[in-house]
Amino acid sequence: MAGPLEQFEIKRIVPIEIAGYDISFTNSAAWMFFAVGVATLILCLGLRRPQLVPGRAQGMVESLGEVIDDTIVSSAGPEARRYFPVIFTTFLFILLANLSGLLPYSFTTTSHIVVTFAMALVAFIAITLVGIANQGIGFLKMFVPSGVPPVMLLILVPIEIISYFIRPISLSVRLFANMMAGHVLLKVLAGFVVALGVFGVVPLLAIVAMTALEVLVAVLQAYVFTTLVCVYLNDALHAHH
């Protein structure tokens, strides 16, 4: 039986090599395209013919949109609504990538640190540029706590700078670790079911319970990632004194 970590192995589907660089189309890329395709399908079905009294598809899309809109406003203020499209797209992609990884014989792209770090790094760079564009040199004030004795700034400023630049690491590791840990546990429990045979009822029930929990974690982690992006965006939009 395959080990619990084998499910995270990236496999080539279409081998491609250009100038010595391996840019093969992999199972990871395929499932990312799958998440994008499902997201596109959901949005197209939900917004194809907008009705005053929404149907199921439109109601689902509008409900998701309202949740993200409320998160943006509560975390970063009404002026952050201009960034709704990219924040909503990020949430929907992570949500569908997390959930699709629970399908049989699927691949969880968000269980790979390279994927989550790439998303976190892009968000970090974009938010930093927004902060510089909105506040100019005043953006640096966020590294200087107000009301602190000058001598303490020698300690606090480096800490603030380090904590700021560690954001993409903490953001990516949180999502990656939660998704990977849950899938490993499910695989381990599945191994007990096979090994125990007719006595594997208890681990089988545990798998059912864990799968339900993993669905909840998948949704929660997509929302947590989005919320933290909004919190960081708040720092970029509002000067701190």
Protein backbone atom coordinates (compact mmCIF):
# COMPACT_ATOMS: atom_id res chain seq x y z
CA MET A 1 0.00 0.00 0.00
CA ALA A 2 1.24 3.49 -0.86
CA GLY A 3 2.71 5.56 1.95
CA PRO A 4 0.90 8.62 3.34
CA LEU A 5 3.29 11.05 1.61
CA GLU A 6 3.04 9.50 -1.85
CA GLN A 7 -0.18 11.43 -2.52
CA PHE A 8 1.86 14.67 -2.60
CA GLU A 9 4.24 13.49 -5.33
CA ILE A 10 4.24 15.73 -8.40
CA LYS A 11 4.08 13.64 -11.56
CA ARG A 12 4.64 14.68 -15.16
CA ILE A 13 1.64 14.35 -17.45
CA VAL A 14 3.12 16.04 -20.51
CA PRO A 15 6.96 16.17 -20.34
CA ILE A 16 8.26 19.48 -21.70
CA GLU A 17 11.86 20.67 -21.59
CA ILE A 18 13.07 23.94 -23.11
CA ALA A 19 16.71 25.08 -22.99
CA GLY A 20 17.43 22.62 -20.21
CA TYR A 21 14.50 23.79 -18.07
CA ASP A 22 11.80 21.33 -17.08
CA ILE A 23 8.42 23.03 -17.63
CA SER A 24 6.39 19.83 -17.87
CA PHE A 25 2.63 19.88 -17.44
CA THR A 26 2.10 18.07 -14.13
CA ASN A 27 -0.73 16.73 -12.03
CA SER A 28 -0.36 19.83 -9.85
CA ALA A 29 -0.88 22.12 -12.84
CA ALA A 30 -3.81 20.01 -14.04
CA TRP A 31 -5.65 20.35 -10.72
CA MET A 32 -4.95 24.08 -10.62
CA PHE A 33 -6.53 24.36 -14.06
CA PHE A 34 -9.40 22.27 -12.72
CA ALA A 35 -9.95 24.73 -9.85
CA VAL A 36 -9.85 27.68 -12.25
CA GLY A 37 -12.26 25.92 -14.60
CA VAL A 38 -14.76 25.13 -11.85
CA ALA A 39 -14.53 28.70 -10.54
CA THR A 40 -15.16 30.06 -14.04
CA LEU A 41 -18.10 27.71 -14.51
CA ILE A 42 -19.66 28.72 -11.17
CA LEU A 43 -19.33 32.43 -11.92
CA CYS A 44 -20.64 32.05 -15.48
CA LEU A 45 -23.68 30.04 -14.35
CA GLY A 46 -24.36 32.36 -11.43
CA LEU A 47 -24.01 35.62 -13.31
CA ARG A 48 -25.17 34.59 -16.78
CA ARG A 49 -28.69 35.96 -16.38
CA PRO A 50 -28.92 38.05 -13.20
CA GLN A 51 -32.40 38.05 -11.71
CA LEU A 52 -34.00 40.30 -9.11
CA VAL A 53 -34.98 37.13 -7.26
CA PRO A 54 -31.80 35.03 -7.58
CA GLY A 55 -31.85 31.33 -8.35
CA ARG A 56 -29.61 28.78 -6.64
CA ALA A 57 -26.48 29.46 -8.70
CA GLN A 58 -26.85 33.24 -8.56
CA GLY A 59 -27.71 33.11 -4.88
CA MET A 60 -24.58 31.05 -4.11
CA VAL A 61 -22.31 33.44 -6.01
CA GLU A 62 -23.92 36.49 -4.40
CA SER A 63 -23.65 34.94 -0.94
CA LEU A 64 -19.96 34.23 -1.41
CA GLY A 65 -19.49 37.73 -2.76
CA GLU A 66 -21.25 39.27 0.23
CA VAL A 67 -19.10 37.29 2.67
CA ILE A 68 -15.89 38.49 1.01
CA ASP A 69 -17.22 42.05 0.68
CA ASP A 70 -18.05 42.14 4.40
CA THR A 71 -14.59 40.77 5.18
CA ILE A 72 -12.92 43.43 3.06
CA VAL A 73 -14.91 46.28 4.60
CA SER A 74 -14.48 45.09 8.20
CA SER A 75 -10.76 44.36 7.80
CA ALA A 76 -9.55 47.10 5.43
CA GLY A 77 -12.33 49.68 5.17
CA PRO A 78 -14.82 50.62 2.41
CA GLU A 79 -12.09 52.09 0.18
CA ALA A 80 -10.59 48.60 -0.16
CA ARG A 81 -13.63 47.50 -2.18
CA ARG A 82 -11.78 48.47 -5.35
CA TYR A 83 -9.67 45.35 -4.81
CA PHE A 84 -12.70 43.07 -4.45
CA PRO A 85 -12.21 41.24 -7.81
CA VAL A 86 -8.68 40.04 -7.04
CA ILE A 87 -9.46 39.19 -3.40
CA PHE A 88 -12.63 37.29 -4.32
CA THR A 89 -10.77 35.44 -7.08
CA THR A 90 -8.03 34.45 -4.63
CA PHE A 91 -10.58 33.17 -2.12
CA LEU A 92 -12.50 31.18 -4.72
CA PHE A 93 -9.36 29.60 -6.17
CA ILE A 94 -8.02 28.51 -2.77
CA LEU A 95 -11.44 27.24 -1.71
CA LEU A 96 -11.88 25.10 -4.81
CA ALA A 97 -8.25 23.90 -4.73
CA ASN A 98 -8.73 22.81 -1.12
CA LEU A 99 -12.06 21.09 -1.75
CA SER A 100 -11.03 19.40 -5.01
CA GLY A 101 -8.15 17.79 -3.12
CA LEU A 102 -10.70 15.77 -1.16
CA LEU A 103 -11.97 14.03 -4.30
CA PRO A 104 -10.83 10.43 -4.87
CA TYR A 105 -7.57 10.16 -6.88
CA SER A 106 -7.19 13.94 -6.82
CA PHE A 107 -4.18 16.12 -6.04
CA THR A 108 -4.21 18.89 -3.43
CA THR A 109 -2.23 21.77 -4.94
CA THR A 110 -2.46 23.82 -1.73
CA SER A 111 -0.64 21.06 0.17
CA HIS A 112 2.57 22.15 -1.58
CA ILE A 113 4.50 25.04 -0.03
CA VAL A 114 5.71 26.20 -3.47
CA VAL A 115 2.10 26.90 -4.50
CA THR A 116 0.98 28.58 -1.29
CA PHE A 117 4.21 30.61 -1.03
CA ALA A 118 3.86 31.83 -4.61
CA MET A 119 0.33 33.10 -3.86
CA ALA A 120 1.44 34.66 -0.56
CA LEU A 121 4.48 36.32 -2.16
CA VAL A 122 2.43 37.83 -4.99
CA ALA A 123 -0.08 39.17 -2.46
CA PHE A 124 2.74 40.54 -0.28
CA ILE A 125 4.45 42.36 -3.17
CA ALA A 126 1.16 43.73 -4.50
CA ILE A 127 0.08 45.01 -1.08
CA THR A 128 3.49 46.61 -0.49
CA LEU A 129 3.24 48.42 -3.84
CA VAL A 130 -0.28 49.57 -2.95
CA GLY A 131 1.03 50.90 0.36
CA ILE A 132 3.85 52.83 -1.31
CA ALA A 133 1.48 54.19 -3.96
CA ASN A 134 -1.08 55.32 -1.36
CA GLN A 135 1.16 56.60 1.43
CA GLY A 136 4.49 57.32 -0.20
CA ILE A 137 7.28 57.67 2.32
CA GLY A 138 4.62 57.63 5.05
CA PHE A 139 4.31 53.89 4.51
CA LEU A 140 7.51 53.48 6.52
CA LYS A 141 5.73 54.83 9.62
CA MET A 142 4.21 51.40 10.18
CA PHE A 143 7.67 50.20 11.23
CA VAL A 144 7.96 52.92 13.88
CA PRO A 145 5.53 52.43 16.82
CA SER A 146 4.17 55.71 18.17
CA GLY A 147 4.70 56.82 21.78
CA VAL A 148 7.79 54.69 22.23
CA PRO A 149 11.00 56.09 23.79
CA PRO A 150 13.69 56.63 21.12
CA VAL A 151 16.04 54.13 22.73
CA MET A 152 13.38 51.40 22.43
CA LEU A 153 13.07 52.05 18.70
CA LEU A 154 16.48 50.47 18.24
CA ILE A 155 14.89 47.18 19.29
CA LEU A 156 11.30 47.57 18.07
CA VAL A 157 11.98 48.84 14.53
CA PRO A 158 14.03 45.76 13.51
CA ILE A 159 11.35 43.53 15.06
CA GLU A 160 8.61 45.33 13.08
CA ILE A 161 10.61 45.03 9.86
CA ILE A 162 11.26 41.32 10.38
CA SER A 163 7.62 40.64 11.27
CA TYR A 164 6.53 42.46 8.11
CA PHE A 165 8.80 40.55 5.75
CA ILE A 166 7.95 37.22 7.37
CA ARG A 167 4.28 37.67 6.43
CA PRO A 168 4.41 35.68 3.17
CA ILE A 169 6.11 32.81 5.02
CA SER A 170 3.55 32.63 7.82
CA LEU A 171 0.68 33.08 5.36
CA SER A 172 1.85 30.27 3.09
CA VAL A 173 2.93 27.83 5.82
CA ARG A 174 -0.44 28.12 7.61
CA LEU A 175 -2.37 27.01 4.52
CA PHE A 176 0.15 24.40 3.40
CA ALA A 177 0.56 22.80 6.83
CA ASN A 178 -3.17 22.51 7.53
CA MET A 179 -3.95 20.93 4.17
CA MET A 180 -1.00 18.54 4.25
CA ALA A 181 -1.57 17.39 7.84
CA GLY A 182 -5.22 16.55 7.25
CA HIS A 183 -4.50 14.49 4.14
CA VAL A 184 -1.69 12.60 5.84
CA LEU A 185 -3.99 11.70 8.74
CA LEU A 186 -6.71 10.48 6.35
CA LYS A 187 -4.18 8.30 4.54
CA VAL A 188 -2.90 6.82 7.80
CA LEU A 189 -6.44 6.00 8.94
CA ALA A 190 -7.16 4.42 5.54
CA GLY A 191 -4.14 2.19 6.09
CA PHE A 192 -5.59 0.99 9.39
CA VAL A 193 -8.89 0.13 7.68
CA VAL A 194 -7.11 -2.08 5.15
CA ALA A 195 -4.80 -3.68 7.72
CA LEU A 196 -7.57 -4.50 10.23
CA GLY A 197 -9.97 -5.94 7.68
CA VAL A 198 -13.38 -6.63 9.25
CA PHE A 199 -12.19 -4.93 12.44
CA GLY A 200 -11.54 -1.70 10.58
CA VAL A 201 -15.00 -0.28 11.31
CA VAL A 202 -13.71 2.15 13.95
CA PRO A 203 -11.00 3.73 11.74
CA LEU A 204 -13.53 3.79 8.88
CA LEU A 205 -15.92 5.83 11.02
CA ALA A 206 -12.98 8.03 11.97
CA ILE A 207 -12.25 8.61 8.27
CA VAL A 208 -15.86 9.73 7.69
CA ALA A 209 -15.61 12.14 10.61
CA MET A 210 -12.19 13.39 9.50
CA THR A 211 -13.41 13.94 5.95
CA ALA A 212 -16.22 16.14 7.25
CA LEU A 213 -13.67 18.00 9.37
CA GLU A 214 -11.36 18.39 6.37
CA VAL A 215 -14.19 20.01 4.38
CA LEU A 216 -14.59 22.50 7.21
CA VAL A 217 -10.82 23.09 7.36
CA ALA A 218 -10.70 23.59 3.58
CA VAL A 219 -13.32 26.33 3.75
CA LEU A 220 -11.86 27.87 6.90
CA GLN A 221 -8.31 28.03 5.56
CA ALA A 222 -9.45 29.72 2.36
CA TYR A 223 -11.28 32.30 4.47
CA VAL A 224 -8.34 32.77 6.86
CA PHE A 225 -5.92 33.37 3.96
CA THR A 226 -8.31 35.93 2.48
CA THR A 227 -8.91 37.66 5.81
CA LEU A 228 -5.19 38.03 6.49
CA VAL A 229 -4.67 39.48 3.01
CA CYS A 230 -7.37 42.04 3.85
CA VAL A 231 -5.71 42.84 7.19
CA TYR A 232 -2.39 43.42 5.44
CA LEU A 233 -4.16 45.55 2.83
CA ASN A 234 -5.48 47.71 5.66
CA ASP A 235 -1.89 48.55 6.63
CA ALA A 236 -1.20 49.56 3.03
CA LEU A 237 -4.24 51.82 2.74
CA HIS A 238 -4.16 53.56 6.10
CA ALA A 239 -1.23 55.45 7.53
CA HIS A 240 -0.20 54.53 11.06
CA HIS A 241 0.99 57.19 13.45
